[in-house]
Amino acid sequence: MKFIELTLQSHIIVHGFDARNQEITEEVTVASPSKKLVAVDRILSISEKYILIKYAFDRVIYWEYHDNYDTIKEILS
């Protein structure tokens, strides 16, 4: 399994969907960023602000990251 080191901070956890198909979310604010190793096969999407990562039980988390978008894009290509 391949991993990538990312600097992540605050995040939005998606717990599922309600009866109207709206995301049920939980916002988590973190005071300072921390480095994490993330399995590349869990990364679903990346934007200039968020990286979307899949976790167990069909949960996904939108993480704010502090790394360079182009560098991450290059590593994942």
N, C-alpha and C. Protein backbone atom coordinates (compact mmCIF):
# COMPACT_ATOMS: atom_id res chain seq x y z
N MET A 1 0.84 -1.17 0.00
CA MET A 1 0.00 0.00 0.00
C MET A 1 0.89 1.24 0.00
N LYS A 2 0.57 2.21 -0.85
CA LYS A 2 1.35 3.44 -0.97
C LYS A 2 0.74 4.53 -0.08
N PHE A 3 1.60 5.31 0.56
CA PHE A 3 1.15 6.38 1.45
C PHE A 3 1.72 7.72 0.99
N ILE A 4 1.04 8.79 1.39
CA ILE A 4 1.49 10.15 1.14
C ILE A 4 1.42 10.91 2.47
N GLU A 5 2.43 11.72 2.75
CA GLU A 5 2.42 12.52 3.97
C GLU A 5 1.76 13.86 3.66
N LEU A 6 0.75 14.22 4.46
CA LEU A 6 0.02 15.47 4.28
C LEU A 6 -0.03 16.24 5.59
N THR A 7 -0.14 17.55 5.49
CA THR A 7 -0.33 18.40 6.66
C THR A 7 -1.80 18.80 6.68
N LEU A 8 -2.54 18.23 7.64
CA LEU A 8 -3.99 18.39 7.69
C LEU A 8 -4.40 19.16 8.93
N GLN A 9 -5.58 19.81 8.85
CA GLN A 9 -6.04 20.58 10.00
C GLN A 9 -7.53 20.34 10.21
N SER A 10 -8.32 21.38 10.17
CA SER A 10 -9.76 21.24 10.42
C SER A 10 -10.39 20.37 9.34
N HIS A 11 -11.55 19.77 9.66
CA HIS A 11 -12.17 18.86 8.71
C HIS A 11 -13.67 18.77 8.92
N ILE A 12 -14.33 18.25 7.89
CA ILE A 12 -15.78 18.02 7.92
C ILE A 12 -16.00 16.53 7.70
N ILE A 13 -16.63 15.89 8.69
CA ILE A 13 -16.92 14.46 8.61
C ILE A 13 -18.33 14.30 8.04
N VAL A 14 -18.48 13.47 7.01
CA VAL A 14 -19.80 13.16 6.46
C VAL A 14 -20.21 11.81 7.02
N HIS A 15 -21.29 11.82 7.84
CA HIS A 15 -21.76 10.61 8.52
C HIS A 15 -22.78 9.82 7.70
N GLY A 16 -23.27 10.42 6.64
CA GLY A 16 -24.28 9.76 5.83
C GLY A 16 -25.24 10.79 5.27
N PHE A 17 -26.46 10.34 4.97
CA PHE A 17 -27.46 11.21 4.36
C PHE A 17 -28.78 11.08 5.09
N ASP A 18 -29.55 12.18 5.12
CA ASP A 18 -30.85 12.16 5.78
C ASP A 18 -31.94 11.73 4.78
N ALA A 19 -33.19 11.79 5.20
CA ALA A 19 -34.31 11.35 4.37
C ALA A 19 -34.46 12.19 3.10
N ARG A 20 -33.93 13.43 3.12
CA ARG A 20 -34.00 14.31 1.95
C ARG A 20 -32.70 14.28 1.13
N ASN A 21 -31.87 13.27 1.40
CA ASN A 21 -30.61 13.06 0.70
C ASN A 21 -29.61 14.19 0.92
N GLN A 22 -29.71 14.87 2.05
CA GLN A 22 -28.75 15.91 2.43
C GLN A 22 -27.67 15.28 3.31
N GLU A 23 -26.43 15.71 3.12
CA GLU A 23 -25.34 15.17 3.92
C GLU A 23 -25.53 15.50 5.40
N ILE A 24 -25.26 14.54 6.24
CA ILE A 24 -25.21 14.75 7.69
C ILE A 24 -23.74 14.95 8.02
N THR A 25 -23.39 16.19 8.43
CA THR A 25 -21.98 16.52 8.62
C THR A 25 -21.68 16.96 10.04
N GLU A 26 -20.42 16.85 10.38
CA GLU A 26 -19.90 17.31 11.67
C GLU A 26 -18.62 18.09 11.38
N GLU A 27 -18.60 19.38 11.74
CA GLU A 27 -17.42 20.20 11.51
C GLU A 27 -16.51 20.13 12.72
N VAL A 28 -15.23 19.86 12.47
CA VAL A 28 -14.23 19.76 13.54
C VAL A 28 -13.17 20.82 13.28
N THR A 29 -13.01 21.74 14.24
CA THR A 29 -12.01 22.79 14.13
C THR A 29 -10.82 22.43 15.00
N VAL A 30 -9.65 22.47 14.40
CA VAL A 30 -8.41 22.10 15.08
C VAL A 30 -7.51 23.33 15.11
N ALA A 31 -6.89 23.59 16.26
CA ALA A 31 -6.08 24.79 16.44
C ALA A 31 -4.82 24.81 15.58
N SER A 32 -4.18 23.68 15.44
CA SER A 32 -2.94 23.66 14.66
C SER A 32 -2.89 22.42 13.77
N PRO A 33 -2.24 22.56 12.63
CA PRO A 33 -2.16 21.43 11.70
C PRO A 33 -1.22 20.35 12.22
N SER A 34 -1.39 19.14 11.69
CA SER A 34 -0.49 18.04 12.03
C SER A 34 -0.23 17.21 10.78
N LYS A 35 0.92 16.56 10.76
CA LYS A 35 1.28 15.71 9.63
C LYS A 35 0.65 14.33 9.82
N LYS A 36 0.14 13.77 8.73
CA LYS A 36 -0.46 12.45 8.77
C LYS A 36 -0.03 11.68 7.52
N LEU A 37 0.14 10.38 7.68
CA LEU A 37 0.34 9.51 6.53
C LEU A 37 -1.02 9.00 6.10
N VAL A 38 -1.34 9.17 4.82
CA VAL A 38 -2.64 8.78 4.29
C VAL A 38 -2.43 7.77 3.17
N ALA A 39 -3.17 6.67 3.21
CA ALA A 39 -3.10 5.68 2.14
C ALA A 39 -3.66 6.30 0.85
N VAL A 40 -2.89 6.25 -0.20
CA VAL A 40 -3.27 6.86 -1.47
C VAL A 40 -4.58 6.31 -1.99
N ASP A 41 -4.84 5.02 -1.78
CA ASP A 41 -6.08 4.44 -2.31
C ASP A 41 -7.33 4.91 -1.56
N ARG A 42 -7.18 5.65 -0.46
CA ARG A 42 -8.33 6.21 0.26
C ARG A 42 -8.68 7.62 -0.21
N ILE A 43 -7.80 8.23 -1.00
CA ILE A 43 -8.04 9.60 -1.48
C ILE A 43 -9.03 9.54 -2.64
N LEU A 44 -10.15 10.25 -2.50
CA LEU A 44 -11.18 10.25 -3.52
C LEU A 44 -11.11 11.47 -4.43
N SER A 45 -10.70 12.61 -3.86
CA SER A 45 -10.69 13.85 -4.63
C SER A 45 -9.80 14.87 -3.94
N ILE A 46 -9.35 15.85 -4.71
CA ILE A 46 -8.55 16.93 -4.15
C ILE A 46 -8.92 18.24 -4.84
N SER A 47 -9.06 19.29 -4.05
CA SER A 47 -9.29 20.63 -4.58
C SER A 47 -8.20 21.53 -4.00
N GLU A 48 -8.27 22.82 -4.28
CA GLU A 48 -7.24 23.72 -3.75
C GLU A 48 -7.36 23.93 -2.24
N LYS A 49 -8.51 23.57 -1.66
CA LYS A 49 -8.69 23.76 -0.21
C LYS A 49 -8.84 22.44 0.55
N TYR A 50 -9.53 21.47 -0.05
CA TYR A 50 -9.86 20.22 0.66
C TYR A 50 -9.30 19.00 -0.07
N ILE A 51 -9.04 17.98 0.73
CA ILE A 51 -8.74 16.65 0.19
C ILE A 51 -9.79 15.71 0.79
N LEU A 52 -10.48 14.97 -0.06
CA LEU A 52 -11.56 14.09 0.36
C LEU A 52 -11.01 12.68 0.54
N ILE A 53 -11.15 12.15 1.77
CA ILE A 53 -10.58 10.85 2.11
C ILE A 53 -11.68 9.93 2.63
N LYS A 54 -11.68 8.68 2.15
CA LYS A 54 -12.66 7.67 2.55
C LYS A 54 -12.15 6.92 3.77
N TYR A 55 -13.05 6.69 4.72
CA TYR A 55 -12.73 5.94 5.92
C TYR A 55 -13.71 4.77 6.06
N ALA A 56 -13.56 4.00 7.12
CA ALA A 56 -14.42 2.83 7.36
C ALA A 56 -15.88 3.25 7.50
N PHE A 57 -16.76 2.31 7.34
CA PHE A 57 -18.21 2.50 7.51
C PHE A 57 -18.76 3.52 6.52
N ASP A 58 -18.17 3.60 5.34
CA ASP A 58 -18.63 4.51 4.28
C ASP A 58 -18.63 5.98 4.68
N ARG A 59 -17.79 6.35 5.61
CA ARG A 59 -17.64 7.76 5.98
C ARG A 59 -16.56 8.38 5.10
N VAL A 60 -16.76 9.65 4.81
CA VAL A 60 -15.74 10.42 4.12
C VAL A 60 -15.46 11.68 4.93
N ILE A 61 -14.24 12.19 4.80
CA ILE A 61 -13.86 13.40 5.52
C ILE A 61 -13.22 14.37 4.54
N TYR A 62 -13.72 15.61 4.56
CA TYR A 62 -13.11 16.70 3.82
C TYR A 62 -12.09 17.36 4.73
N TRP A 63 -10.81 17.16 4.47
CA TRP A 63 -9.74 17.74 5.28
C TRP A 63 -9.22 19.02 4.65
N GLU A 64 -9.02 20.07 5.45
CA GLU A 64 -8.25 21.22 4.99
C GLU A 64 -6.79 20.80 5.02
N TYR A 65 -6.05 21.12 3.99
CA TYR A 65 -4.63 20.74 3.98
C TYR A 65 -3.77 21.97 3.72
N HIS A 66 -2.51 21.89 4.13
CA HIS A 66 -1.60 23.03 4.02
C HIS A 66 -0.47 22.77 3.04
N ASP A 67 -0.55 21.71 2.29
CA ASP A 67 0.47 21.38 1.31
C ASP A 67 0.16 22.10 0.00
N ASN A 68 1.09 22.06 -0.92
CA ASN A 68 0.91 22.70 -2.21
C ASN A 68 0.06 21.81 -3.12
N TYR A 69 -1.00 22.38 -3.68
CA TYR A 69 -1.93 21.64 -4.53
C TYR A 69 -1.21 20.98 -5.71
N ASP A 70 -0.38 21.75 -6.41
CA ASP A 70 0.30 21.20 -7.59
C ASP A 70 1.26 20.06 -7.23
N THR A 71 1.90 20.17 -6.07
CA THR A 71 2.81 19.11 -5.64
C THR A 71 2.04 17.83 -5.34
N ILE A 72 0.92 17.95 -4.64
CA ILE A 72 0.10 16.77 -4.34
C ILE A 72 -0.44 16.16 -5.63
N LYS A 73 -0.90 17.01 -6.53
CA LYS A 73 -1.42 16.53 -7.82
C LYS A 73 -0.33 15.76 -8.57
N GLU A 74 0.87 16.26 -8.56
CA GLU A 74 2.00 15.59 -9.23
C GLU A 74 2.28 14.23 -8.60
N ILE A 75 2.30 14.17 -7.26
CA ILE A 75 2.57 12.91 -6.56
C ILE A 75 1.50 11.87 -6.88
N LEU A 76 0.24 12.30 -6.95
CA LEU A 76 -0.86 11.36 -7.16
C LEU A 76 -1.03 10.95 -8.62
N SER A 77 -0.40 11.68 -9.53
CA SER A 77 -0.53 11.37 -10.97
C SER A 77 0.26 10.13 -11.35
